């Protein structure tokens, strides 16, 4: 005979636990958002003062100039980290749903490559069997994802980067491929977690803070797609975005 009183009590306890965990998560997100926002403004102001001094550096010694450049580098890194933390806190992966519309991939990818190459020079090759492929996406957010994945590929590879486009009847795959060091299989399930870095020995300039891939995944999922990694040590990595084609609407 089933003890319905005991069963109901267990269900109530489980529900309370779920609500409590949701509340804790919401409080953590709010704390990160407030903390990042409050720090970003004064640090940006200080960085502006540093830039002003650096532009008028005639009276500075070489040692002072070098110290100022190091301080500016660290400040840029900190501001970027705070901005990415703020972005991630704003993106609730369980609730985000981005406005989507048909987007021409070739044009968007060309723009992303042009933006990226203003900062870093690297050969980026686009491979596609079709000249006109469209997806259902948010153009600005998809470009943001592409820039993060291209930047990640460049950091871990010294050779050309390939962006491969493949279209089926209902879906489009965008693969960002590098020929770098690759990722150990045991690490692959963690690389989309915030602040996770595969190679902790890398400095912050090359390795990043471990937020870019987490943000990229949340944005892709917010557009109704998926982001996965396929990699082998010594052979490189492929980050594959799967999105609905513009002819399909869920």
Foldseek 3Di string as FASTA:
>chain_A
DDDVVVVVVVVVVVVVVVVVVVVVLLVVLVVLQVVLVVPLVVLVVVLVVLVVCLVVVPPPDPVRNVVSVVVNVVSVQSNVVSVLSNLLSVQDLVDFADQWAKDWPVVLVVVLVVVLVVPPDAAEAEAEPDDTFIFTADSVLVSLLVNLLLLLQVLFAPHYWYWYWDDDPWKIKTKIWGFGQKADPVCFVPLLPAQDWRDPVDDCVRTPRSRSSVSSQSRLVSSVWGWGKDIDGRGTIIIMIMGTTNVDDD
